[in-house]
Amino acid sequence: RQLEWFDDHPAEKLVVKAPLDPVLQTIGERVQEGKE
């Protein structure tokens, strides 16, 4: 629902849903890659 507000945003989109571990792991990987 939150990401629907930013459909036109060019960023990579990660959807938060249960279970949380996969998305948290991906967030950590993107931070390690130097992504904003």
PDB file of all heavy atoms in Angstrom:
ATOM      1  N   ARG A   1       0.832  -1.210   0.000  1.00  0.00           N
ATOM      2  CA  ARG A   1       0.000   0.000   0.000  1.00  0.00           C
ATOM      3  C   ARG A   1       0.864   1.257   0.000  1.00  0.00           C
ATOM      4  O   ARG A   1       0.532   2.247  -0.663  1.00  0.00           O
ATOM      5  CB  ARG A   1      -0.935  -0.020   1.209  1.00  0.00           C
ATOM      6  CG  ARG A   1      -1.954   1.103   1.231  1.00  0.00           C
ATOM      7  CD  ARG A   1      -3.068   0.787   2.224  1.00  0.00           C
ATOM      8  NE  ARG A   1      -2.559   0.567   3.572  1.00  0.00           N
ATOM      9  CZ  ARG A   1      -2.361   1.543   4.464  1.00  0.00           C
ATOM     10  NH1 ARG A   1      -2.636   2.792   4.131  1.00  0.00           N
ATOM     11  NH2 ARG A   1      -1.904   1.273   5.666  1.00  0.00           N
ATOM     12  N   GLN A   2       1.973   1.231   0.737  1.00  0.00           N
ATOM     13  CA  GLN A   2       2.850   2.406   0.778  1.00  0.00           C
ATOM     14  C   GLN A   2       3.570   2.604  -0.564  1.00  0.00           C
ATOM     15  O   GLN A   2       3.705   3.735  -1.052  1.00  0.00           O
ATOM     16  CB  GLN A   2       3.882   2.255   1.904  1.00  0.00           C
ATOM     17  CG  GLN A   2       3.309   2.410   3.305  1.00  0.00           C
ATOM     18  CD  GLN A   2       2.493   1.211   3.741  1.00  0.00           C
ATOM     19  OE1 GLN A   2       2.869   0.061   3.458  1.00  0.00           O
ATOM     20  NE2 GLN A   2       1.371   1.446   4.396  1.00  0.00           N
ATOM     21  N   LEU A   3       4.022   1.505  -1.168  1.00  0.00           N
ATOM     22  CA  LEU A   3       4.762   1.623  -2.427  1.00  0.00           C
ATOM     23  C   LEU A   3       3.879   2.074  -3.582  1.00  0.00           C
ATOM     24  O   LEU A   3       4.384   2.606  -4.583  1.00  0.00           O
ATOM     25  CB  LEU A   3       5.439   0.293  -2.760  1.00  0.00           C
ATOM     26  CG  LEU A   3       6.590  -0.131  -1.833  1.00  0.00           C
ATOM     27  CD1 LEU A   3       7.146  -1.489  -2.247  1.00  0.00           C
ATOM     28  CD2 LEU A   3       7.701   0.916  -1.833  1.00  0.00           C
ATOM     29  N   GLU A   4       2.559   1.882  -3.472  1.00  0.00           N
ATOM     30  CA  GLU A   4       1.651   2.354  -4.531  1.00  0.00           C
ATOM     31  C   GLU A   4       1.740   3.863  -4.725  1.00  0.00           C
ATOM     32  O   GLU A   4       1.469   4.369  -5.820  1.00  0.00           O
ATOM     33  CB  GLU A   4       0.213   1.970  -4.187  1.00  0.00           C
ATOM     34  CG  GLU A   4      -0.090   0.484  -4.369  1.00  0.00           C
ATOM     35  CD  GLU A   4      -1.491   0.128  -3.941  1.00  0.00           C
ATOM     36  OE1 GLU A   4      -2.232   1.044  -3.502  1.00  0.00           O
ATOM     37  OE2 GLU A   4      -1.863  -1.064  -4.017  1.00  0.00           O
ATOM     38  N   TRP A   5       2.101   4.570  -3.673  1.00  0.00           N
ATOM     39  CA  TRP A   5       2.246   6.024  -3.795  1.00  0.00           C
ATOM     40  C   TRP A   5       3.443   6.419  -4.652  1.00  0.00           C
ATOM     41  O   TRP A   5       3.541   7.570  -5.107  1.00  0.00           O
ATOM     42  CB  TRP A   5       2.395   6.645  -2.408  1.00  0.00           C
ATOM     43  CG  TRP A   5       1.113   6.752  -1.652  1.00  0.00           C
ATOM     44  CD1 TRP A   5       0.556   5.827  -0.828  1.00  0.00           C
ATOM     45  CD2 TRP A   5       0.209   7.856  -1.669  1.00  0.00           C
ATOM     46  NE1 TRP A   5      -0.636   6.267  -0.326  1.00  0.00           N
ATOM     47  CE2 TRP A   5      -0.876   7.527  -0.823  1.00  0.00           C
ATOM     48  CE3 TRP A   5       0.206   9.100  -2.315  1.00  0.00           C
ATOM     49  CZ2 TRP A   5      -1.945   8.381  -0.606  1.00  0.00           C
ATOM     50  CZ3 TRP A   5      -0.854   9.958  -2.090  1.00  0.00           C
ATOM     51  CH2 TRP A   5      -1.920   9.592  -1.246  1.00  0.00           C
ATOM     52  N   PHE A   6       4.346   5.474  -4.894  1.00  0.00           N
ATOM     53  CA  PHE A   6       5.588   5.806  -5.593  1.00  0.00           C
ATOM     54  C   PHE A   6       5.795   4.913  -6.816  1.00  0.00           C
ATOM     55  O   PHE A   6       6.918   4.489  -7.113  1.00  0.00           O
ATOM     56  CB  PHE A   6       6.770   5.677  -4.624  1.00  0.00           C
ATOM     57  CG  PHE A   6       6.580   6.459  -3.351  1.00  0.00           C
ATOM     58  CD1 PHE A   6       6.206   5.814  -2.173  1.00  0.00           C
ATOM     59  CD2 PHE A   6       6.746   7.838  -3.331  1.00  0.00           C
ATOM     60  CE1 PHE A   6       6.017   6.527  -1.004  1.00  0.00           C
ATOM     61  CE2 PHE A   6       6.557   8.566  -2.173  1.00  0.00           C
ATOM     62  CZ  PHE A   6       6.185   7.914  -1.009  1.00  0.00           C
ATOM     63  N   ASP A   7       4.687   4.636  -7.525  1.00  0.00           N
ATOM     64  CA  ASP A   7       4.760   3.781  -8.713  1.00  0.00           C
ATOM     65  C   ASP A   7       5.736   4.316  -9.756  1.00  0.00           C
ATOM     66  O   ASP A   7       6.395   3.544 -10.462  1.00  0.00           O
ATOM     67  CB  ASP A   7       3.368   3.647  -9.348  1.00  0.00           C
ATOM     68  CG  ASP A   7       2.514   2.604  -8.640  1.00  0.00           C
ATOM     69  OD1 ASP A   7       3.100   1.778  -7.918  1.00  0.00           O
ATOM     70  OD2 ASP A   7       1.283   2.633  -8.789  1.00  0.00           O
ATOM     71  N   ASP A   8       5.815   5.626  -9.887  1.00  0.00           N
ATOM     72  CA  ASP A   8       6.654   6.237 -10.931  1.00  0.00           C
ATOM     73  C   ASP A   8       8.105   6.400 -10.495  1.00  0.00           C
ATOM     74  O   ASP A   8       8.934   6.855 -11.296  1.00  0.00           O
ATOM     75  CB  ASP A   8       6.086   7.610 -11.315  1.00  0.00           C
ATOM     76  CG  ASP A   8       4.690   7.502 -11.933  1.00  0.00           C
ATOM     77  OD1 ASP A   8       4.394   6.434 -12.504  1.00  0.00           O
ATOM     78  OD2 ASP A   8       3.907   8.463 -11.825  1.00  0.00           O
ATOM     79  N   HIS A   9       8.405   6.065  -9.271  1.00  0.00           N
ATOM     80  CA  HIS A   9       9.776   6.229  -8.784  1.00  0.00           C
ATOM     81  C   HIS A   9      10.672   5.179  -9.449  1.00  0.00           C
ATOM     82  O   HIS A   9      10.324   3.999  -9.508  1.00  0.00           O
ATOM     83  CB  HIS A   9       9.812   6.063  -7.265  1.00  0.00           C
ATOM     84  CG  HIS A   9      11.041   6.615  -6.617  1.00  0.00           C
ATOM     85  ND1 HIS A   9      12.303   6.103  -6.833  1.00  0.00           N
ATOM     86  CD2 HIS A   9      11.207   7.659  -5.746  1.00  0.00           C
ATOM     87  CE1 HIS A   9      13.190   6.790  -6.132  1.00  0.00           C
ATOM     88  NE2 HIS A   9      12.549   7.743  -5.458  1.00  0.00           N
ATOM     89  N   PRO A  10      11.848   5.587  -9.957  1.00  0.00           N
ATOM     90  CA  PRO A  10      12.705   4.639 -10.693  1.00  0.00           C
ATOM     91  C   PRO A  10      13.475   3.665  -9.804  1.00  0.00           C
ATOM     92  O   PRO A  10      14.127   2.742 -10.323  1.00  0.00           O
ATOM     93  CB  PRO A  10      13.683   5.572 -11.426  1.00  0.00           C
ATOM     94  CG  PRO A  10      13.762   6.791 -10.558  1.00  0.00           C
ATOM     95  CD  PRO A  10      12.396   6.963  -9.974  1.00  0.00           C
ATOM     96  N   ALA A  11      13.410   3.814  -8.508  1.00  0.00           N
ATOM     97  CA  ALA A  11      14.196   2.955  -7.611  1.00  0.00           C
ATOM     98  C   ALA A  11      13.739   1.503  -7.681  1.00  0.00           C
ATOM     99  O   ALA A  11      12.599   1.197  -8.056  1.00  0.00           O
ATOM    100  CB  ALA A  11      14.079   3.460  -6.171  1.00  0.00           C
ATOM    101  N   GLU A  12      14.645   0.600  -7.301  1.00  0.00           N
ATOM    102  CA  GLU A  12      14.278  -0.792  -7.103  1.00  0.00           C
ATOM    103  C   GLU A  12      13.291  -0.860  -5.942  1.00  0.00           C
ATOM    104  O   GLU A  12      13.480  -0.228  -4.906  1.00  0.00           O
ATOM    105  CB  GLU A  12      15.513  -1.625  -6.789  1.00  0.00           C
ATOM    106  CG  GLU A  12      15.215  -3.083  -6.475  1.00  0.00           C
ATOM    107  CD  GLU A  12      16.432  -3.847  -5.982  1.00  0.00           C
ATOM    108  OE1 GLU A  12      17.512  -3.241  -5.841  1.00  0.00           O
ATOM    109  OE2 GLU A  12      16.286  -5.062  -5.715  1.00  0.00           O
ATOM    110  N   LYS A  13      12.235  -1.644  -6.091  1.00  0.00           N
ATOM    111  CA  LYS A  13      11.205  -1.740  -5.051  1.00  0.00           C
ATOM    112  C   LYS A  13      11.326  -3.087  -4.325  1.00  0.00           C
ATOM    113  O   LYS A  13      11.410  -4.142  -4.956  1.00  0.00           O
ATOM    114  CB  LYS A  13       9.793  -1.622  -5.657  1.00  0.00           C
ATOM    115  CG  LYS A  13       9.582  -0.410  -6.573  1.00  0.00           C
ATOM    116  CD  LYS A  13       9.549   0.864  -5.815  1.00  0.00           C
ATOM    117  CE  LYS A  13       9.072   2.055  -6.622  1.00  0.00           C
ATOM    118  NZ  LYS A  13       8.938   2.000  -8.046  1.00  0.00           N
ATOM    119  N   LEU A  14      11.319  -3.020  -3.003  1.00  0.00           N
ATOM    120  CA  LEU A  14      11.299  -4.211  -2.168  1.00  0.00           C
ATOM    121  C   LEU A  14      10.052  -4.156  -1.306  1.00  0.00           C
ATOM    122  O   LEU A  14       9.853  -3.191  -0.550  1.00  0.00           O
ATOM    123  CB  LEU A  14      12.536  -4.278  -1.271  1.00  0.00           C
ATOM    124  CG  LEU A  14      13.904  -4.373  -1.945  1.00  0.00           C
ATOM    125  CD1 LEU A  14      15.010  -4.394  -0.891  1.00  0.00           C
ATOM    126  CD2 LEU A  14      13.990  -5.625  -2.817  1.00  0.00           C
ATOM    127  N   VAL A  15       9.203  -5.192  -1.408  1.00  0.00           N
ATOM    128  CA  VAL A  15       7.950  -5.216  -0.664  1.00  0.00           C
ATOM    129  C   VAL A  15       8.168  -5.875   0.694  1.00  0.00           C
ATOM    130  O   VAL A  15       8.726  -6.977   0.789  1.00  0.00           O
ATOM    131  CB  VAL A  15       6.854  -5.975  -1.441  1.00  0.00           C
ATOM    132  CG1 VAL A  15       5.560  -6.035  -0.631  1.00  0.00           C
ATOM    133  CG2 VAL A  15       6.603  -5.312  -2.794  1.00  0.00           C
ATOM    134  N   VAL A  16       7.727  -5.199   1.744  1.00  0.00           N
ATOM    135  CA  VAL A  16       7.808  -5.743   3.100  1.00  0.00           C
ATOM    136  C   VAL A  16       6.593  -6.649   3.338  1.00  0.00           C
ATOM    137  O   VAL A  16       5.449  -6.203   3.253  1.00  0.00           O
ATOM    138  CB  VAL A  16       7.831  -4.623   4.153  1.00  0.00           C
ATOM    139  CG1 VAL A  16       7.770  -5.211   5.565  1.00  0.00           C
ATOM    140  CG2 VAL A  16       9.071  -3.766   3.982  1.00  0.00           C
ATOM    141  N   LYS A  17       6.855  -7.917   3.627  1.00  0.00           N
ATOM    142  CA  LYS A  17       5.788  -8.865   3.937  1.00  0.00           C
ATOM    143  C   LYS A  17       6.380  -9.990   4.777  1.00  0.00           C
ATOM    144  O   LYS A  17       7.602 -10.187   4.817  1.00  0.00           O
ATOM    145  CB  LYS A  17       5.141  -9.419   2.667  1.00  0.00           C
ATOM    146  CG  LYS A  17       6.104 -10.109   1.717  1.00  0.00           C
ATOM    147  CD  LYS A  17       5.400 -10.555   0.446  1.00  0.00           C
ATOM    148  CE  LYS A  17       6.387 -11.199  -0.526  1.00  0.00           C
ATOM    149  NZ  LYS A  17       5.715 -11.619  -1.782  1.00  0.00           N
ATOM    150  N   ALA A  18       5.505 -10.709   5.461  1.00  0.00           N
ATOM    151  CA  ALA A  18       5.960 -11.821   6.295  1.00  0.00           C
ATOM    152  C   ALA A  18       6.327 -13.014   5.418  1.00  0.00           C
ATOM    153  O   ALA A  18       5.676 -13.259   4.395  1.00  0.00           O
ATOM    154  CB  ALA A  18       4.866 -12.203   7.285  1.00  0.00           C
ATOM    155  N   PRO A  19       7.378 -13.754   5.784  1.00  0.00           N
ATOM    156  CA  PRO A  19       8.324 -13.472   6.872  1.00  0.00           C
ATOM    157  C   PRO A  19       9.288 -12.353   6.491  1.00  0.00           C
ATOM    158  O   PRO A  19       9.557 -12.128   5.308  1.00  0.00           O
ATOM    159  CB  PRO A  19       9.049 -14.807   7.052  1.00  0.00           C
ATOM    160  CG  PRO A  19       9.004 -15.432   5.688  1.00  0.00           C
ATOM    161  CD  PRO A  19       7.695 -15.017   5.079  1.00  0.00           C
ATOM    162  N   LEU A  20       9.816 -11.651   7.507  1.00  0.00           N
ATOM    163  CA  LEU A  20      10.616 -10.460   7.249  1.00  0.00           C
ATOM    164  C   LEU A  20      12.066 -10.762   6.892  1.00  0.00           C
ATOM    165  O   LEU A  20      12.737  -9.926   6.279  1.00  0.00           O
ATOM    166  CB  LEU A  20      10.585  -9.545   8.474  1.00  0.00           C
ATOM    167  CG  LEU A  20       9.281  -8.801   8.748  1.00  0.00           C
ATOM    168  CD1 LEU A  20       9.418  -7.970  10.020  1.00  0.00           C
ATOM    169  CD2 LEU A  20       8.914  -7.910   7.579  1.00  0.00           C
ATOM    170  N   ASP A  21      12.568 -11.927   7.284  1.00  0.00           N
ATOM    171  CA  ASP A  21      14.001 -12.195   7.095  1.00  0.00           C
ATOM    172  C   ASP A  21      14.494 -11.997   5.657  1.00  0.00           C
ATOM    173  O   ASP A  21      15.555 -11.396   5.444  1.00  0.00           O
ATOM    174  CB  ASP A  21      14.341 -13.603   7.568  1.00  0.00           C
ATOM    175  CG  ASP A  21      14.648 -13.640   9.068  1.00  0.00           C
ATOM    176  OD1 ASP A  21      14.834 -12.556   9.652  1.00  0.00           O
ATOM    177  OD2 ASP A  21      14.686 -14.736   9.647  1.00  0.00           O
ATOM    178  N   PRO A  22      13.772 -12.489   4.626  1.00  0.00           N
ATOM    179  CA  PRO A  22      14.287 -12.299   3.262  1.00  0.00           C
ATOM    180  C   PRO A  22      14.453 -10.830   2.878  1.00  0.00           C
ATOM    181  O   PRO A  22      15.483 -10.454   2.297  1.00  0.00           O
ATOM    182  CB  PRO A  22      13.219 -12.989   2.394  1.00  0.00           C
ATOM    183  CG  PRO A  22      12.620 -14.017   3.291  1.00  0.00           C
ATOM    184  CD  PRO A  22      12.591 -13.383   4.641  1.00  0.00           C
ATOM    185  N   VAL A  23      13.473  -9.983   3.192  1.00  0.00           N
ATOM    186  CA  VAL A  23      13.598  -8.577   2.806  1.00  0.00           C
ATOM    187  C   VAL A  23      14.668  -7.884   3.640  1.00  0.00           C
ATOM    188  O   VAL A  23      15.398  -7.018   3.138  1.00  0.00           O
ATOM    189  CB  VAL A  23      12.243  -7.841   2.895  1.00  0.00           C
ATOM    190  CG1 VAL A  23      11.809  -7.639   4.344  1.00  0.00           C
ATOM    191  CG2 VAL A  23      12.308  -6.498   2.171  1.00  0.00           C
ATOM    192  N   LEU A  24      14.818  -8.260   4.908  1.00  0.00           N
ATOM    193  CA  LEU A  24      15.881  -7.669   5.729  1.00  0.00           C
ATOM    194  C   LEU A  24      17.248  -8.054   5.201  1.00  0.00           C
ATOM    195  O   LEU A  24      18.181  -7.238   5.180  1.00  0.00           O
ATOM    196  CB  LEU A  24      15.723  -8.104   7.183  1.00  0.00           C
ATOM    197  CG  LEU A  24      14.487  -7.599   7.928  1.00  0.00           C
ATOM    198  CD1 LEU A  24      14.410  -8.228   9.316  1.00  0.00           C
ATOM    199  CD2 LEU A  24      14.496  -6.079   8.037  1.00  0.00           C
ATOM    200  N   GLN A  25      17.379  -9.292   4.762  1.00  0.00           N
ATOM    201  CA  GLN A  25      18.650  -9.742   4.195  1.00  0.00           C
ATOM    202  C   GLN A  25      18.975  -8.961   2.924  1.00  0.00           C
ATOM    203  O   GLN A  25      20.119  -8.524   2.719  1.00  0.00           O
ATOM    204  CB  GLN A  25      18.597 -11.241   3.907  1.00  0.00           C
ATOM    205  CG  GLN A  25      19.911 -11.791   3.348  1.00  0.00           C
ATOM    206  CD  GLN A  25      19.879 -13.296   3.172  1.00  0.00           C
ATOM    207  OE1 GLN A  25      19.061 -13.980   3.788  1.00  0.00           O
ATOM    208  NE2 GLN A  25      20.765 -13.824   2.339  1.00  0.00           N
ATOM    209  N   THR A  26      17.961  -8.754   2.076  1.00  0.00           N
ATOM    210  CA  THR A  26      18.181  -8.003   0.836  1.00  0.00           C
ATOM    211  C   THR A  26      18.536  -6.549   1.138  1.00  0.00           C
ATOM    212  O   THR A  26      19.397  -5.954   0.467  1.00  0.00           O
ATOM    213  CB  THR A  26      16.922  -8.058  -0.047  1.00  0.00           C
ATOM    214  OG1 THR A  26      16.576  -9.421  -0.292  1.00  0.00           O
ATOM    215  CG2 THR A  26      17.163  -7.363  -1.381  1.00  0.00           C
ATOM    216  N   ILE A  27      17.894  -5.957   2.141  1.00  0.00           N
ATOM    217  CA  ILE A  27      18.252  -4.593   2.536  1.00  0.00           C
ATOM    218  C   ILE A  27      19.725  -4.520   2.923  1.00  0.00           C
ATOM    219  O   ILE A  27      20.456  -3.616   2.506  1.00  0.00           O
ATOM    220  CB  ILE A  27      17.361  -4.130   3.714  1.00  0.00           C
ATOM    221  CG1 ILE A  27      15.927  -3.873   3.230  1.00  0.00           C
ATOM    222  CG2 ILE A  27      17.926  -2.866   4.359  1.00  0.00           C
ATOM    223  CD1 ILE A  27      14.946  -3.591   4.346  1.00  0.00           C
ATOM    224  N   GLY A  28      20.172  -5.497   3.730  1.00  0.00           N
ATOM    225  CA  GLY A  28      21.578  -5.515   4.129  1.00  0.00           C
ATOM    226  C   GLY A  28      22.508  -5.638   2.942  1.00  0.00           C
ATOM    227  O   GLY A  28      23.564  -4.989   2.885  1.00  0.00           O
ATOM    228  N   GLU A  29      22.120  -6.456   1.963  1.00  0.00           N
ATOM    229  CA  GLU A  29      22.955  -6.623   0.765  1.00  0.00           C
ATOM    230  C   GLU A  29      23.044  -5.325  -0.031  1.00  0.00           C
ATOM    231  O   GLU A  29      24.126  -4.947  -0.517  1.00  0.00           O
ATOM    232  CB  GLU A  29      22.373  -7.738  -0.100  1.00  0.00           C
ATOM    233  CG  GLU A  29      22.486  -9.122   0.536  1.00  0.00           C
ATOM    234  CD  GLU A  29      21.696 -10.178  -0.231  1.00  0.00           C
ATOM    235  OE1 GLU A  29      20.998  -9.803  -1.210  1.00  0.00           O
ATOM    236  OE2 GLU A  29      21.756 -11.359   0.149  1.00  0.00           O
ATOM    237  N   ARG A  30      21.917  -4.625  -0.156  1.00  0.00           N
ATOM    238  CA  ARG A  30      21.926  -3.371  -0.932  1.00  0.00           C
ATOM    239  C   ARG A  30      22.759  -2.295  -0.226  1.00  0.00           C
ATOM    240  O   ARG A  30      23.426  -1.487  -0.880  1.00  0.00           O
ATOM    241  CB  ARG A  30      20.500  -2.871  -1.135  1.00  0.00           C
ATOM    242  CG  ARG A  30      19.620  -3.801  -1.951  1.00  0.00           C
ATOM    243  CD  ARG A  30      20.166  -4.008  -3.367  1.00  0.00           C
ATOM    244  NE  ARG A  30      19.267  -4.858  -4.142  1.00  0.00           N
ATOM    245  CZ  ARG A  30      19.406  -6.175  -4.248  1.00  0.00           C
ATOM    246  NH1 ARG A  30      20.404  -6.778  -3.613  1.00  0.00           N
ATOM    247  NH2 ARG A  30      18.562  -6.880  -4.975  1.00  0.00           N
ATOM    248  N   VAL A  31      22.707  -2.293   1.083  1.00  0.00           N
ATOM    249  CA  VAL A  31      23.538  -1.339   1.830  1.00  0.00           C
ATOM    250  C   VAL A  31      25.010  -1.655   1.599  1.00  0.00           C
ATOM    251  O   VAL A  31      25.836  -0.746   1.381  1.00  0.00           O
ATOM    252  CB  VAL A  31      23.194  -1.382   3.335  1.00  0.00           C
ATOM    253  CG1 VAL A  31      24.209  -0.576   4.142  1.00  0.00           C
ATOM    254  CG2 VAL A  31      21.795  -0.848   3.586  1.00  0.00           C
ATOM    255  N   GLN A  32      25.376  -2.947   1.627  1.00  0.00           N
ATOM    256  CA  GLN A  32      26.763  -3.349   1.383  1.00  0.00           C
ATOM    257  C   GLN A  32      27.218  -2.961  -0.018  1.00  0.00           C
ATOM    258  O   GLN A  32      28.404  -2.673  -0.249  1.00  0.00           O
ATOM    259  CB  GLN A  32      26.905  -4.860   1.585  1.00  0.00           C
ATOM    260  CG  GLN A  32      26.778  -5.325   3.035  1.00  0.00           C
ATOM    261  CD  GLN A  32      27.906  -4.792   3.911  1.00  0.00           C
ATOM    262  OE1 GLN A  32      29.065  -4.751   3.499  1.00  0.00           O
ATOM    263  NE2 GLN A  32      27.551  -4.361   5.113  1.00  0.00           N
ATOM    264  N   GLU A  33      26.275  -2.938  -0.946  1.00  0.00           N
ATOM    265  CA  GLU A  33      26.595  -2.542  -2.324  1.00  0.00           C
ATOM    266  C   GLU A  33      26.730  -1.022  -2.477  1.00  0.00           C
ATOM    267  O   GLU A  33      27.050  -0.539  -3.561  1.00  0.00           O
ATOM    268  CB  GLU A  33      25.498  -3.049  -3.264  1.00  0.00           C
ATOM    269  CG  GLU A  33      25.428  -4.568  -3.368  1.00  0.00           C
ATOM    270  CD  GLU A  33      24.148  -5.052  -4.053  1.00  0.00           C
ATOM    271  OE1 GLU A  33      23.359  -4.192  -4.518  1.00  0.00           O
ATOM    272  OE2 GLU A  33      23.932  -6.275  -4.095  1.00  0.00           O
ATOM    273  N   GLY A  34      26.461  -0.295  -1.386  1.00  0.00           N
ATOM    274  CA  GLY A  34      26.578   1.159  -1.445  1.00  0.00           C
ATOM    275  C   GLY A  34      25.336   1.842  -1.972  1.00  0.00           C
ATOM    276  O   GLY A  34      25.384   3.043  -2.298  1.00  0.00           O
ATOM    277  N   LYS A  35      24.213   1.151  -2.037  1.00  0.00           N
ATOM    278  CA  LYS A  35      22.979   1.737  -2.552  1.00  0.00           C
ATOM    279  C   LYS A  35      22.311   2.620  -1.481  1.00  0.00           C
ATOM    280  O   LYS A  35      22.458   2.395  -0.285  1.00  0.00           O
ATOM    281  CB  LYS A  35      21.996   0.633  -2.960  1.00  0.00           C
ATOM    282  CG  LYS A  35      22.486  -0.282  -4.066  1.00  0.00           C
ATOM    283  CD  LYS A  35      22.479   0.438  -5.406  1.00  0.00           C
ATOM    284  CE  LYS A  35      22.916  -0.488  -6.549  1.00  0.00           C
ATOM    285  NZ  LYS A  35      21.979  -1.589  -6.776  1.00  0.00           N
ATOM    286  N   GLU A  36      21.590   3.628  -1.938  1.00  0.00           N
ATOM    287  CA  GLU A  36      20.814   4.508  -1.072  1.00  0.00           C
ATOM    288  C   GLU A  36      19.469   3.818  -0.787  1.00  0.00           C
ATOM    289  O   GLU A  36      18.582   3.752  -1.645  1.00  0.00           O
ATOM    290  CB  GLU A  36      20.579   5.855  -1.749  1.00  0.00           C
ATOM    291  CG  GLU A  36      19.904   6.887  -0.886  1.00  0.00           C
ATOM    292  CD  GLU A  36      20.853   7.561   0.087  1.00  0.00           C
ATOM    293  OE1 GLU A  36      22.071   7.290   0.043  1.00  0.00           O
ATOM    294  OE2 GLU A  36      20.365   8.354   0.900  1.00  0.00           O
TER     295      GLU A  36
END
